[in-house]
C-alpha atoms as a PDB file:
ATOM      1  CA  MET A   1     -13.222  19.632   5.846  1.00  0.00           C
ATOM      2  CA  ASP A   2     -11.301  21.804   8.301  1.00  0.00           C
ATOM      3  CA  CYS A   3      -7.570  21.737   9.172  1.00  0.00           C
ATOM      4  CA  PRO A   4      -7.739  19.344  12.174  1.00  0.00           C
ATOM      5  CA  GLU A   5      -9.648  16.781  10.111  1.00  0.00           C
ATOM      6  CA  ALA A   6      -7.275  17.150   7.170  1.00  0.00           C
ATOM      7  CA  TYR A   7      -4.243  16.867   9.443  1.00  0.00           C
ATOM      8  CA  GLY A   8      -5.620  13.774  11.183  1.00  0.00           C
ATOM      9  CA  LEU A   9      -6.576  11.934   7.988  1.00  0.00           C
ATOM     10  CA  ALA A  10      -3.351  12.840   6.176  1.00  0.00           C
ATOM     11  CA  LEU A  11      -1.309  11.667   9.160  1.00  0.00           C
ATOM     12  CA  LEU A  12      -3.314   8.439   9.301  1.00  0.00           C
ATOM     13  CA  GLN A  13      -2.898   7.831   5.565  1.00  0.00           C
ATOM     14  CA  GLY A  14       0.834   8.476   5.720  1.00  0.00           C
ATOM     15  CA  VAL A  15       1.337   6.082   8.629  1.00  0.00           C
ATOM     16  CA  THR A  16      -0.896   3.279   7.384  1.00  0.00           C
ATOM     17  CA  GLU A  17      -0.023   3.352   3.653  1.00  0.00           C
ATOM     18  CA  PHE A  18       3.165   1.327   4.092  1.00  0.00           C
ATOM     19  CA  LEU A  19       2.338  -0.676   7.196  1.00  0.00           C
ATOM     20  CA  PRO A  20       0.609  -4.064   6.671  1.00  0.00           C
ATOM     21  CA  ILE A  21      -2.542  -2.923   8.500  1.00  0.00           C
ATOM     22  CA  SER A  22      -4.843  -1.543   5.756  1.00  0.00           C
ATOM     23  CA  SER A  23      -5.118   2.210   5.250  1.00  0.00           C
ATOM     24  CA  SER A  24      -8.691   1.865   3.948  1.00  0.00           C
ATOM     25  CA  ALA A  25      -9.818   0.209   7.190  1.00  0.00           C
ATOM     26  CA  HIS A  26      -8.411   3.090   9.199  1.00  0.00           C
ATOM     27  CA  LEU A  27      -9.788   5.788   6.894  1.00  0.00           C
ATOM     28  CA  ILE A  28     -13.291   4.390   7.295  1.00  0.00           C
ATOM     29  CA  LEU A  29     -12.928   3.859  11.047  1.00  0.00           C
ATOM     30  CA  LEU A  30     -11.606   7.268  12.148  1.00  0.00           C
ATOM     31  CA  PRO A  31     -14.323   9.408  10.477  1.00  0.00           C
ATOM     32  CA  LYS A  32     -16.944   6.993  11.797  1.00  0.00           C
ATOM     33  CA  LEU A  33     -15.678   7.277  15.359  1.00  0.00           C
ATOM     34  CA  LEU A  34     -15.293  11.074  15.224  1.00  0.00           C
ATOM     35  CA  GLY A  35     -18.311  11.891  13.056  1.00  0.00           C
ATOM     36  CA  TRP A  36     -16.251  13.473  10.255  1.00  0.00           C
ATOM     37  CA  PRO A  37     -17.629  13.886   6.711  1.00  0.00           C
ATOM     38  CA  ASP A  38     -16.160  12.108   3.675  1.00  0.00           C
ATOM     39  CA  GLN A  39     -12.799  13.640   2.796  1.00  0.00           C
ATOM     40  CA  GLY A  40     -13.517  13.923  -0.925  1.00  0.00           C
ATOM     41  CA  LEU A  41     -11.655  13.000  -4.093  1.00  0.00           C
ATOM     42  CA  ALA A  42      -9.225  15.946  -4.088  1.00  0.00           C
ATOM     43  CA  PHE A  43      -8.001  14.987  -0.625  1.00  0.00           C
ATOM     44  CA  ASP A  44      -7.463  11.383  -1.735  1.00  0.00           C
ATOM     45  CA  VAL A  45      -5.299  12.600  -4.610  1.00  0.00           C
ATOM     46  CA  ALA A  46      -3.293  14.855  -2.273  1.00  0.00           C
ATOM     47  CA  VAL A  47      -2.441  12.140   0.265  1.00  0.00           C
ATOM     48  CA  HIS A  48      -1.458   9.776  -2.565  1.00  0.00           C
ATOM     49  CA  VAL A  49       0.947  12.434  -3.856  1.00  0.00           C
ATOM     50  CA  GLY A  50       2.382  12.739  -0.352  1.00  0.00           C
ATOM     51  CA  THR A  51       3.008   9.018   0.094  1.00  0.00           C
ATOM     52  CA  LEU A  52       4.479   8.804  -3.420  1.00  0.00           C
ATOM     53  CA  LEU A  53       6.936  11.594  -2.609  1.00  0.00           C
ATOM     54  CA  ALA A  54       7.889   9.812   0.602  1.00  0.00           C
ATOM     55  CA  VAL A  55       8.733   6.452  -0.967  1.00  0.00           C
ATOM     56  CA  ILE A  56      10.649   8.050  -3.853  1.00  0.00           C
ATOM     57  CA  LEU A  57      12.699  10.184  -1.463  1.00  0.00           C
ATOM     58  CA  TYR A  58      13.378   7.307   0.916  1.00  0.00           C
ATOM     59  CA  PHE A  59      14.601   4.977  -1.840  1.00  0.00           C
ATOM     60  CA  ARG A  60      16.159   7.692  -4.018  1.00  0.00           C
ATOM     61  CA  ASP A  61      19.624   6.114  -3.980  1.00  0.00           C
ATOM     62  CA  ASP A  62      18.276   2.647  -4.750  1.00  0.00           C
ATOM     63  CA  LEU A  63      16.025   4.019  -7.473  1.00  0.00           C
ATOM     64  CA  SER A  64      18.840   5.869  -9.224  1.00  0.00           C
ATOM     65  CA  VAL A  65      20.878   2.653  -9.465  1.00  0.00           C
ATOM     66  CA  ILE A  66      17.870   0.547 -10.481  1.00  0.00           C
ATOM     67  CA  VAL A  67      16.829   2.984 -13.218  1.00  0.00           C
ATOM     68  CA  ARG A  68      20.422   3.300 -14.470  1.00  0.00           C
ATOM     69  CA  ASP A  69      20.963  -0.460 -14.704  1.00  0.00           C
ATOM     70  CA  TRP A  70      17.498  -1.045 -16.138  1.00  0.00           C
ATOM     71  CA  CYS A  71      18.215   1.455 -18.931  1.00  0.00           C
ATOM     72  CA  ARG A  72      21.563  -0.249 -19.569  1.00  0.00           C
ATOM     73  CA  SER A  73      19.766  -3.583 -19.851  1.00  0.00           C
ATOM     74  CA  LEU A  74      17.794  -2.136 -22.750  1.00  0.00           C
ATOM     75  CA  SER A  75      20.827  -0.864 -24.633  1.00  0.00           C
ATOM     76  CA  GLN A  76      23.435  -3.487 -23.726  1.00  0.00           C
ATOM     77  CA  ARG A  77      21.163  -6.525 -23.411  1.00  0.00           C
ATOM     78  CA  ARG A  78      22.815  -7.486 -20.136  1.00  0.00           C
ATOM     79  CA  LEU A  79      21.177  -8.008 -16.790  1.00  0.00           C
ATOM     80  CA  ASN A  80      22.456  -7.568 -13.262  1.00  0.00           C
ATOM     81  CA  PRO A  81      20.402  -7.854 -10.028  1.00  0.00           C
ATOM     82  CA  ASN A  82      19.422  -4.165 -10.127  1.00  0.00           C
ATOM     83  CA  ALA A  83      18.209  -4.428 -13.700  1.00  0.00           C
ATOM     84  CA  VAL A  84      16.245  -7.574 -12.815  1.00  0.00           C
ATOM     85  CA  LEU A  85      14.728  -5.689  -9.888  1.00  0.00           C
ATOM     86  CA  GLY A  86      13.679  -2.869 -12.211  1.00  0.00           C
ATOM     87  CA  TRP A  87      12.046  -5.322 -14.582  1.00  0.00           C
ATOM     88  CA  GLY A  88      10.515  -7.073 -11.580  1.00  0.00           C
ATOM     89  CA  VAL A  89       8.799  -3.881 -10.436  1.00  0.00           C
ATOM     90  CA  LEU A  90       7.313  -3.426 -13.909  1.00  0.00           C
ATOM     91  CA  ILE A  91       6.240  -7.068 -14.185  1.00  0.00           C
ATOM     92  CA  GLY A  92       4.735  -7.012 -10.688  1.00  0.00           C
ATOM     93  CA  THR A  93       2.664  -3.949 -11.599  1.00  0.00           C
ATOM     94  CA  VAL A  94       1.013  -5.399 -14.707  1.00  0.00           C
ATOM     95  CA  PRO A  95      -1.523  -7.704 -12.964  1.00  0.00           C
ATOM     96  CA  VAL A  96      -2.891  -5.047 -10.613  1.00  0.00           C
ATOM     97  CA  GLY A  97      -2.970  -2.462 -13.399  1.00  0.00           C
ATOM     98  CA  LEU A  98      -5.049  -4.709 -15.646  1.00  0.00           C
ATOM     99  CA  ALA A  99      -7.320  -5.842 -12.813  1.00  0.00           C
ATOM    100  CA  GLY A 100      -7.843  -2.264 -11.657  1.00  0.00           C
ATOM    101  CA  LEU A 101      -8.897  -1.105 -15.125  1.00  0.00           C
ATOM    102  CA  LEU A 102     -11.238  -4.050 -15.658  1.00  0.00           C
ATOM    103  CA  LEU A 103     -12.827  -4.058 -12.194  1.00  0.00           C
ATOM    104  CA  LYS A 104     -12.722  -0.348 -11.252  1.00  0.00           C
ATOM    105  CA  ASP A 105     -16.489   0.241 -11.105  1.00  0.00           C
ATOM    106  CA  TRP A 106     -17.162  -2.997  -9.226  1.00  0.00           C
ATOM    107  CA  ILE A 107     -14.403  -2.266  -6.708  1.00  0.00           C
ATOM    108  CA  GLU A 108     -15.690   1.261  -6.018  1.00  0.00           C
ATOM    109  CA  THR A 109     -19.293   0.120  -5.489  1.00  0.00           C
ATOM    110  CA  VAL A 110     -19.732  -3.493  -4.373  1.00  0.00           C
ATOM    111  CA  LEU A 111     -16.487  -3.800  -2.413  1.00  0.00           C
ATOM    112  CA  ARG A 112     -16.684  -0.501  -0.520  1.00  0.00           C
ATOM    113  CA  SER A 113     -18.833  -2.072   2.180  1.00  0.00           C
ATOM    114  CA  PRO A 114     -17.471  -1.670   5.730  1.00  0.00           C
ATOM    115  CA  LEU A 115     -18.131  -5.360   6.317  1.00  0.00           C
ATOM    116  CA  VAL A 116     -16.028  -6.288   3.271  1.00  0.00           C
ATOM    117  CA  ILE A 117     -13.229  -4.123   4.651  1.00  0.00           C
ATOM    118  CA  ALA A 118     -13.582  -5.748   8.077  1.00  0.00           C
ATOM    119  CA  GLY A 119     -13.525  -9.252   6.593  1.00  0.00           C
ATOM    120  CA  ALA A 120     -10.497  -8.521   4.413  1.00  0.00           C
ATOM    121  CA  THR A 121      -8.679  -6.991   7.384  1.00  0.00           C
ATOM    122  CA  VAL A 122      -9.115 -10.220   9.344  1.00  0.00           C
ATOM    123  CA  VAL A 123      -8.664 -12.797   6.564  1.00  0.00           C
ATOM    124  CA  PHE A 124      -5.565 -11.277   5.005  1.00  0.00           C
ATOM    125  CA  GLY A 125      -4.179 -10.532   8.442  1.00  0.00           C
ATOM    126  CA  LEU A 126      -4.366 -14.244   9.204  1.00  0.00           C
ATOM    127  CA  LEU A 127      -2.733 -15.012   5.847  1.00  0.00           C
ATOM    128  CA  LEU A 128       0.110 -12.667   6.766  1.00  0.00           C
ATOM    129  CA  GLY A 129       0.478 -14.580  10.022  1.00  0.00           C
ATOM    130  CA  VAL A 130       0.717 -17.887   8.152  1.00  0.00           C
ATOM    131  CA  ALA A 131       3.337 -16.413   5.803  1.00  0.00           C
ATOM    132  CA  GLU A 132       5.308 -15.070   8.749  1.00  0.00           C
ATOM    133  CA  TYR A 133       5.258 -18.475  10.437  1.00  0.00           C
ATOM    134  CA  ARG A 134       6.238 -20.385   7.289  1.00  0.00           C
ATOM    135  CA  GLY A 135       8.814 -17.851   6.130  1.00  0.00           C
ATOM    136  CA  ASP A 136      10.408 -17.076   9.473  1.00  0.00           C
ATOM    137  CA  ARG A 137      13.705 -18.596   8.318  1.00  0.00           C
ATOM    138  CA  GLY A 138      13.526 -17.140   4.804  1.00  0.00           C
ATOM    139  CA  ALA A 139      17.038 -16.569   3.513  1.00  0.00           C
ATOM    140  CA  ARG A 140      16.437 -15.132   0.035  1.00  0.00           C
ATOM    141  CA  SER A 141      17.396 -11.525  -0.668  1.00  0.00           C
ATOM    142  CA  LEU A 142      16.340  -9.133  -3.422  1.00  0.00           C
ATOM    143  CA  GLU A 143      19.528  -9.984  -5.326  1.00  0.00           C
ATOM    144  CA  GLN A 144      17.940 -13.420  -5.880  1.00  0.00           C
ATOM    145  CA  LEU A 145      14.666 -12.055  -7.252  1.00  0.00           C
ATOM    146  CA  THR A 146      13.482 -13.649 -10.492  1.00  0.00           C
ATOM    147  CA  TRP A 147      10.845 -12.504 -12.926  1.00  0.00           C
ATOM    148  CA  VAL A 148       8.635 -15.387 -11.794  1.00  0.00           C
ATOM    149  CA  ASP A 149       8.916 -14.121  -8.203  1.00  0.00           C
ATOM    150  CA  ALA A 150       7.919 -10.644  -9.357  1.00  0.00           C
ATOM    151  CA  LEU A 151       4.890 -11.995 -11.216  1.00  0.00           C
ATOM    152  CA  VAL A 152       3.770 -14.049  -8.209  1.00  0.00           C
ATOM    153  CA  VAL A 153       4.018 -11.050  -5.879  1.00  0.00           C
ATOM    154  CA  GLY A 154       2.229  -8.997  -8.536  1.00  0.00           C
ATOM    155  CA  LEU A 155      -0.631 -11.488  -8.545  1.00  0.00           C
ATOM    156  CA  PHE A 156      -0.795 -11.243  -4.758  1.00  0.00           C
ATOM    157  CA  GLN A 157      -0.940  -7.471  -5.198  1.00  0.00           C
ATOM    158  CA  THR A 158      -4.182  -7.705  -7.185  1.00  0.00           C
ATOM    159  CA  LEU A 159      -5.874  -8.825  -3.958  1.00  0.00           C
ATOM    160  CA  ALA A 160      -5.150  -5.349  -2.594  1.00  0.00           C
ATOM    161  CA  LEU A 161      -7.949  -4.078  -4.831  1.00  0.00           C
ATOM    162  CA  ILE A 162     -10.247  -5.497  -2.150  1.00  0.00           C
ATOM    163  CA  PRO A 163     -10.498  -2.682   0.421  1.00  0.00           C
ATOM    164  CA  GLY A 164      -9.111  -3.764   3.768  1.00  0.00           C
ATOM    165  CA  THR A 165      -6.507  -6.119   2.309  1.00  0.00           C
ATOM    166  CA  SER A 166      -3.519  -3.725   2.640  1.00  0.00           C
ATOM    167  CA  ARG A 167      -1.342  -3.434  -0.453  1.00  0.00           C
ATOM    168  CA  SER A 168       1.876  -3.594   1.554  1.00  0.00           C
ATOM    169  CA  GLY A 169       0.525  -6.427   3.690  1.00  0.00           C
ATOM    170  CA  ILE A 170      -0.430  -8.680   0.798  1.00  0.00           C
ATOM    171  CA  THR A 171       2.761  -8.079  -1.197  1.00  0.00           C
ATOM    172  CA  ILE A 172       4.891  -8.741   1.871  1.00  0.00           C
ATOM    173  CA  THR A 173       2.821 -11.894   2.403  1.00  0.00           C
ATOM    174  CA  GLY A 174       3.658 -12.992  -1.136  1.00  0.00           C
ATOM    175  CA  GLY A 175       7.340 -12.297  -0.593  1.00  0.00           C
ATOM    176  CA  LEU A 176       7.406 -14.275   2.642  1.00  0.00           C
ATOM    177  CA  PHE A 177       5.711 -17.260   0.978  1.00  0.00           C
ATOM    178  CA  LEU A 178       8.494 -17.136  -1.629  1.00  0.00           C
ATOM    179  CA  ALA A 179      11.029 -17.428   1.239  1.00  0.00           C
ATOM    180  CA  PHE A 180      12.391 -13.894   1.028  1.00  0.00           C
ATOM    181  CA  ASP A 181      13.569 -12.476   4.320  1.00  0.00           C
ATOM    182  CA  ARG A 182      11.271  -9.922   5.956  1.00  0.00           C
ATOM    183  CA  VAL A 183      13.241  -6.816   4.999  1.00  0.00           C
ATOM    184  CA  SER A 184      13.666  -7.920   1.380  1.00  0.00           C
ATOM    185  CA  ALA A 185       9.954  -8.676   1.101  1.00  0.00           C
ATOM    186  CA  ALA A 186       9.140  -5.252   2.546  1.00  0.00           C
ATOM    187  CA  ARG A 187      11.619  -3.390   0.328  1.00  0.00           C
ATOM    188  CA  PHE A 188      10.212  -5.013  -2.807  1.00  0.00           C
ATOM    189  CA  SER A 189       6.708  -4.156  -1.595  1.00  0.00           C
ATOM    190  CA  PHE A 190       7.694  -0.503  -1.178  1.00  0.00           C
ATOM    191  CA  LEU A 191       9.343  -0.351  -4.615  1.00  0.00           C
ATOM    192  CA  LEU A 192       6.218  -1.922  -6.127  1.00  0.00           C
ATOM    193  CA  SER A 193       4.141   0.820  -4.512  1.00  0.00           C
ATOM    194  CA  ILE A 194       5.670   3.537  -6.713  1.00  0.00           C
ATOM    195  CA  PRO A 195       3.997   2.633 -10.041  1.00  0.00           C
ATOM    196  CA  VAL A 196       0.846   1.494  -8.226  1.00  0.00           C
ATOM    197  CA  ILE A 197       0.430   4.807  -6.383  1.00  0.00           C
ATOM    198  CA  LEU A 198       1.163   6.631  -9.649  1.00  0.00           C
ATOM    199  CA  LEU A 199      -1.577   4.655 -11.405  1.00  0.00           C
ATOM    200  CA  ALA A 200      -4.100   5.020  -8.587  1.00  0.00           C
ATOM    201  CA  GLY A 201      -3.344   8.703  -8.116  1.00  0.00           C
ATOM    202  CA  GLY A 202      -3.553   9.297 -11.849  1.00  0.00           C
ATOM    203  CA  VAL A 203      -6.984   7.687 -12.074  1.00  0.00           C
ATOM    204  CA  LYS A 204      -8.234   9.727  -9.109  1.00  0.00           C
ATOM    205  CA  ALA A 205      -6.734  12.918 -10.557  1.00  0.00           C
ATOM    206  CA  TRP A 206      -8.510  12.271 -13.866  1.00  0.00           C
ATOM    207  CA  ASP A 207     -11.799  11.753 -12.041  1.00  0.00           C
ATOM    208  CA  LEU A 208     -11.158  14.979 -10.127  1.00  0.00           C
ATOM    209  CA  LEU A 209     -10.541  16.976 -13.307  1.00  0.00           C
ATOM    210  CA  ARG A 210     -13.776  15.692 -14.824  1.00  0.00           C
ATOM    211  CA  ALA A 211     -15.702  16.533 -11.659  1.00  0.00           C
ATOM    212  CA  SER A 212     -14.691  20.226 -11.815  1.00  0.00           C
ATOM    213  CA  ALA A 213     -15.156  20.585  -8.053  1.00  0.00           C
ATOM    214  CA  ALA A 214     -13.905  23.535  -6.020  1.00  0.00           C
ATOM    215  CA  VAL A 215     -10.484  22.860  -4.501  1.00  0.00           C
ATOM    216  CA  ASP A 216      -8.986  24.267  -1.302  1.00  0.00           C
ATOM    217  CA  TRP A 217      -5.328  24.313  -2.384  1.00  0.00           C
ATOM    218  CA  ASN A 218      -3.972  25.348   1.018  1.00  0.00           C
ATOM    219  CA  LEU A 219      -5.675  22.385   2.649  1.00  0.00           C
ATOM    220  CA  LEU A 220      -4.409  20.031  -0.033  1.00  0.00           C
ATOM    221  CA  PHE A 221      -0.852  21.307   0.382  1.00  0.00           C
ATOM    222  CA  LEU A 222      -1.122  20.565   4.099  1.00  0.00           C
ATOM    223  CA  ALA A 223      -2.379  17.062   3.298  1.00  0.00           C
ATOM    224  CA  VAL A 224       0.528  16.408   0.906  1.00  0.00           C
ATOM    225  CA  MET A 225       3.152  17.559   3.407  1.00  0.00           C
ATOM    226  CA  VAL A 226       1.697  15.743   6.406  1.00  0.00           C
ATOM    227  CA  SER A 227       1.180  12.445   4.567  1.00  0.00           C
ATOM    228  CA  ALA A 228       4.673  12.659   3.011  1.00  0.00           C
ATOM    229  CA  LEU A 229       6.435  13.300   6.335  1.00  0.00           C
ATOM    230  CA  ALA A 230       4.439  10.608   8.128  1.00  0.00           C
ATOM    231  CA  ALA A 231       5.033   8.037   5.394  1.00  0.00           C
ATOM    232  CA  TYR A 232       8.764   8.810   5.156  1.00  0.00           C
ATOM    233  CA  GLY A 233       9.251   8.327   8.880  1.00  0.00           C
ATOM    234  CA  CYS A 234       7.103   5.221   8.919  1.00  0.00           C
ATOM    235  CA  ILE A 235       9.079   3.436   6.181  1.00  0.00           C
ATOM    236  CA  GLY A 236      12.349   3.671   8.080  1.00  0.00           C
ATOM    237  CA  TRP A 237      10.745   2.774  11.392  1.00  0.00           C
ATOM    238  CA  PHE A 238       9.006  -0.259   9.897  1.00  0.00           C
ATOM    239  CA  LEU A 239      12.097  -1.649   8.161  1.00  0.00           C
ATOM    240  CA  GLY A 240      14.062  -1.387  11.413  1.00  0.00           C
ATOM    241  CA  LEU A 241      11.263  -2.952  13.426  1.00  0.00           C
ATOM    242  CA  LEU A 242      10.987  -5.962  11.120  1.00  0.00           C
ATOM    243  CA  GLN A 243      14.463  -7.136  11.994  1.00  0.00           C
ATOM    244  CA  ARG A 244      13.601  -7.208  15.688  1.00  0.00           C
ATOM    245  CA  ILE A 245      10.000  -8.356  16.093  1.00  0.00           C
ATOM    246  CA  GLY A 246       8.674  -9.534  12.720  1.00  0.00           C
ATOM    247  CA  MET A 247       5.060  -9.395  11.563  1.00  0.00           C
ATOM    248  CA  MET A 248       3.062 -10.949  14.371  1.00  0.00           C
ATOM    249  CA  PRO A 249       2.248  -7.675  16.216  1.00  0.00           C
ATOM    250  CA  PHE A 250       0.708  -6.360  13.002  1.00  0.00           C
ATOM    251  CA  VAL A 251      -1.263  -9.582  12.562  1.00  0.00           C
ATOM    252  CA  LEU A 252      -2.710  -9.268  16.067  1.00  0.00           C
ATOM    253  CA  TYR A 253      -3.477  -5.588  15.488  1.00  0.00           C
ATOM    254  CA  ARG A 254      -5.377  -6.439  12.292  1.00  0.00           C
ATOM    255  CA  LEU A 255      -7.497  -9.008  14.118  1.00  0.00           C
ATOM    256  CA  VAL A 256      -8.442  -6.447  16.759  1.00  0.00           C
ATOM    257  CA  LEU A 257      -9.140  -3.780  14.120  1.00  0.00           C
ATOM    258  CA  GLY A 258     -11.267  -6.148  12.046  1.00  0.00           C
ATOM    259  CA  GLY A 259     -13.227  -7.173  15.124  1.00  0.00           C
ATOM    260  CA  LEU A 260     -13.879  -3.522  15.968  1.00  0.00           C
ATOM    261  CA  LEU A 261     -15.114  -2.834  12.444  1.00  0.00           C
ATOM    262  CA  PHE A 262     -17.461  -5.842  12.623  1.00  0.00           C
ATOM    263  CA  TYR A 263     -18.772  -4.580  15.952  1.00  0.00           C
ATOM    264  CA  LEU A 264     -19.422  -1.082  14.598  1.00  0.00           C
ATOM    265  CA  PHE A 265     -20.936  -2.004  11.238  1.00  0.00           C
ATOM    266  CA  TRP A 266     -22.648  -5.388  11.706  1.00  0.00           C
ATOM    267  CA  PRO A 267     -26.367  -4.870  10.945  1.00  0.00           C
ATOM    268  CA  SER A 268     -28.525  -4.685  14.035  1.00  0.00           C
ATOM    269  CA  THR A 269     -31.285  -7.267  14.380  1.00  0.00           C
ATOM    270  CA  THR A 270     -33.450  -5.008  16.528  1.00  0.00           C
END
């Protein structure tokens, strides 16, 4: 992989990681359209590190308060909304962590089909549209989050193990169905991404260490920086955009993207 390819894929990963449009669909589409080779495991680890840095830096103030109050809840046995949110992030991570460990081999083989990705892009895009329509007047905020809410969104998050679903898209969908307002649903989705990206990146890093492959560290550093900067900018842009236009443009985009993937990868009968 050369620098232009690395730059393009890292930029794409950073932009699509936190938008409800499926990063996996884009990462299969761009190399297909441009004839690029597979980016490799080391590159996947690098862009995950970049997006993790971005979300931690963006929510650094929130995270410091959440971690502080969560730790106090352990010692003082008292809960406030920030402590509940901290517990909610942990509870919401358990289902996808267990499912990922149990289904890892099946996910990486059977579900990696471009047609599966295309189908998930369309189906879960439509589900996001339904959630947006039903939850358009959602008035709940993160201060009203309960542990049951966190578990429900966590169960939605397990669907993101299907490539093409979009982790942010499906968790925001869950939040909207629970009548959270758009920004609250998105913020909880982004906070949930921190342990999930840590888990996914850790698994990929372990696979990379066992593979003992040659690593181009300069290229990986570029990938980390580009994906981090793109993801950081995208988070702020997306949260601001939600207040003005909602989810429907992303739903329509997913339908077009899924249709394009079906067109490119549907088996020919001739």
